[in-house]
Amino acid sequence: MPTTKSAAKRLRSSAKRHINNKARKSVVRTTEKKFLAQVTEQNPETAVVTLRKAVAALDKAAKTGAIPKNKANRKKSRLTAKLKVIKA
């Protein structure tokens, strides 16, 4: 248990942040899986729409600090590369 008032507040705030970050990461993973399913089905029209949602989720997660900015950029790059392959 926390000894000081500030330690108690940090415990509460870190618990809130943990819940928010977990939710953000879950959205990112879900949209990424949906996109990869579209790529597997060789469906470029719906994959483009799903990619936009995945990129938005990655940007929001990076902006709020749930994931590092470079990780979000790397994932966006790899996802767009997969889309290029099925479009070609």
C-alpha atoms as a PDB file:
ATOM      1  CA  MET A   1       0.000   0.000   0.000  1.00  0.00           C
ATOM      2  CA  PRO A   2       1.182   3.534  -0.698  1.00  0.00           C
ATOM      3  CA  THR A   3       2.563   5.444   2.244  1.00  0.00           C
ATOM      4  CA  THR A   4       2.105   9.021   1.084  1.00  0.00           C
ATOM      5  CA  LYS A   5      -0.796  10.898  -0.432  1.00  0.00           C
ATOM      6  CA  SER A   6       1.065  11.463  -3.683  1.00  0.00           C
ATOM      7  CA  ALA A   7       1.926   7.770  -3.963  1.00  0.00           C
ATOM      8  CA  ALA A   8      -1.745   6.906  -3.532  1.00  0.00           C
ATOM      9  CA  LYS A   9      -2.684   9.344  -6.294  1.00  0.00           C
ATOM     10  CA  ARG A  10      -0.007   7.907  -8.599  1.00  0.00           C
ATOM     11  CA  LEU A  11      -1.423   4.437  -7.965  1.00  0.00           C
ATOM     12  CA  ARG A  12      -4.922   5.606  -8.922  1.00  0.00           C
ATOM     13  CA  SER A  13      -3.798   7.524 -11.993  1.00  0.00           C
ATOM     14  CA  SER A  14      -1.565   4.740 -13.260  1.00  0.00           C
ATOM     15  CA  ALA A  15      -4.473   2.298 -12.939  1.00  0.00           C
ATOM     16  CA  LYS A  16      -6.639   4.617 -15.058  1.00  0.00           C
ATOM     17  CA  ARG A  17      -3.883   5.028 -17.640  1.00  0.00           C
ATOM     18  CA  HIS A  18      -3.386   1.274 -17.763  1.00  0.00           C
ATOM     19  CA  ILE A  19      -7.071   0.717 -18.567  1.00  0.00           C
ATOM     20  CA  ASN A  20      -7.077   3.411 -21.269  1.00  0.00           C
ATOM     21  CA  ASN A  21      -3.856   2.161 -22.856  1.00  0.00           C
ATOM     22  CA  LYS A  22      -5.130  -1.405 -22.836  1.00  0.00           C
ATOM     23  CA  ALA A  23      -8.319  -0.339 -24.614  1.00  0.00           C
ATOM     24  CA  ARG A  24      -6.368   1.670 -27.221  1.00  0.00           C
ATOM     25  CA  LYS A  25      -4.028  -1.239 -27.936  1.00  0.00           C
ATOM     26  CA  SER A  26      -7.006  -3.561 -28.259  1.00  0.00           C
ATOM     27  CA  VAL A  27      -8.569  -1.302 -30.907  1.00  0.00           C
ATOM     28  CA  VAL A  28      -5.259  -1.197 -32.783  1.00  0.00           C
ATOM     29  CA  ARG A  29      -4.899  -4.978 -32.760  1.00  0.00           C
ATOM     30  CA  THR A  30      -8.506  -5.525 -33.813  1.00  0.00           C
ATOM     31  CA  THR A  31      -8.343  -3.146 -36.772  1.00  0.00           C
ATOM     32  CA  GLU A  32      -4.998  -4.599 -37.799  1.00  0.00           C
ATOM     33  CA  LYS A  33      -6.451  -8.132 -37.786  1.00  0.00           C
ATOM     34  CA  LYS A  34      -9.442  -6.997 -39.838  1.00  0.00           C
ATOM     35  CA  PHE A  35      -7.125  -5.425 -42.390  1.00  0.00           C
ATOM     36  CA  LEU A  36      -4.966  -8.536 -42.606  1.00  0.00           C
ATOM     37  CA  ALA A  37      -8.108 -10.622 -43.137  1.00  0.00           C
ATOM     38  CA  GLN A  38      -9.042  -8.371 -46.059  1.00  0.00           C
ATOM     39  CA  VAL A  39      -5.544  -8.740 -47.496  1.00  0.00           C
ATOM     40  CA  THR A  40      -5.750 -12.517 -47.179  1.00  0.00           C
ATOM     41  CA  GLU A  41      -9.062 -12.487 -49.062  1.00  0.00           C
ATOM     42  CA  GLN A  42      -7.411 -10.425 -51.843  1.00  0.00           C
ATOM     43  CA  ASN A  43     -10.078  -7.736 -51.458  1.00  0.00           C
ATOM     44  CA  PRO A  44      -8.347  -4.378 -52.132  1.00  0.00           C
ATOM     45  CA  GLU A  45     -11.490  -2.192 -52.086  1.00  0.00           C
ATOM     46  CA  THR A  46     -12.478  -3.007 -48.513  1.00  0.00           C
ATOM     47  CA  ALA A  47      -8.836  -3.321 -47.467  1.00  0.00           C
ATOM     48  CA  VAL A  48      -8.294   0.368 -48.282  1.00  0.00           C
ATOM     49  CA  VAL A  49     -11.157   1.379 -45.984  1.00  0.00           C
ATOM     50  CA  THR A  50      -9.933  -0.919 -43.226  1.00  0.00           C
ATOM     51  CA  LEU A  51      -6.383   0.386 -43.627  1.00  0.00           C
ATOM     52  CA  ARG A  52      -7.614   3.939 -43.063  1.00  0.00           C
ATOM     53  CA  LYS A  53      -9.245   2.855 -39.805  1.00  0.00           C
ATOM     54  CA  ALA A  54      -6.110   1.008 -38.729  1.00  0.00           C
ATOM     55  CA  VAL A  55      -3.905   4.017 -39.471  1.00  0.00           C
ATOM     56  CA  ALA A  56      -6.255   6.277 -37.513  1.00  0.00           C
ATOM     57  CA  ALA A  57      -6.189   3.888 -34.559  1.00  0.00           C
ATOM     58  CA  LEU A  58      -2.391   3.706 -34.666  1.00  0.00           C
ATOM     59  CA  ASP A  59      -2.080   7.494 -34.833  1.00  0.00           C
ATOM     60  CA  LYS A  60      -4.428   7.963 -31.900  1.00  0.00           C
ATOM     61  CA  ALA A  61      -2.607   5.334 -29.835  1.00  0.00           C
ATOM     62  CA  ALA A  62       0.728   6.993 -30.574  1.00  0.00           C
ATOM     63  CA  LYS A  63      -0.650  10.454 -29.832  1.00  0.00           C
ATOM     64  CA  THR A  64      -1.960   9.408 -26.423  1.00  0.00           C
ATOM     65  CA  GLY A  65       1.208   7.501 -25.568  1.00  0.00           C
ATOM     66  CA  ALA A  66      -0.276   4.001 -25.545  1.00  0.00           C
ATOM     67  CA  ILE A  67       2.383   2.907 -28.060  1.00  0.00           C
ATOM     68  CA  PRO A  68       5.593   4.597 -29.181  1.00  0.00           C
ATOM     69  CA  LYS A  69       5.427   6.851 -32.239  1.00  0.00           C
ATOM     70  CA  ASN A  70       8.065   4.870 -34.132  1.00  0.00           C
ATOM     71  CA  LYS A  71       6.186   1.622 -33.560  1.00  0.00           C
ATOM     72  CA  ALA A  72       3.031   3.168 -34.998  1.00  0.00           C
ATOM     73  CA  ASN A  73       4.944   4.449 -38.031  1.00  0.00           C
ATOM     74  CA  ARG A  74       6.575   1.061 -38.582  1.00  0.00           C
ATOM     75  CA  LYS A  75       3.216  -0.738 -38.430  1.00  0.00           C
ATOM     76  CA  LYS A  76       1.616   1.772 -40.815  1.00  0.00           C
ATOM     77  CA  SER A  77       4.467   1.300 -43.263  1.00  0.00           C
ATOM     78  CA  ARG A  78       4.216  -2.488 -43.175  1.00  0.00           C
ATOM     79  CA  LEU A  79       0.447  -2.470 -43.554  1.00  0.00           C
ATOM     80  CA  THR A  80       0.548  -0.142 -46.550  1.00  0.00           C
ATOM     81  CA  ALA A  81       3.241  -2.342 -48.119  1.00  0.00           C
ATOM     82  CA  LYS A  82       0.896  -5.327 -47.819  1.00  0.00           C
ATOM     83  CA  LEU A  83      -1.876  -3.350 -49.465  1.00  0.00           C
ATOM     84  CA  LYS A  84       0.435  -2.445 -52.368  1.00  0.00           C
ATOM     85  CA  VAL A  85       1.168  -6.118 -52.948  1.00  0.00           C
ATOM     86  CA  ILE A  86      -2.497  -7.103 -53.366  1.00  0.00           C
ATOM     87  CA  LYS A  87      -3.247  -4.048 -55.508  1.00  0.00           C
ATOM     88  CA  ALA A  88      -0.500  -4.962 -57.960  1.00  0.00           C
END
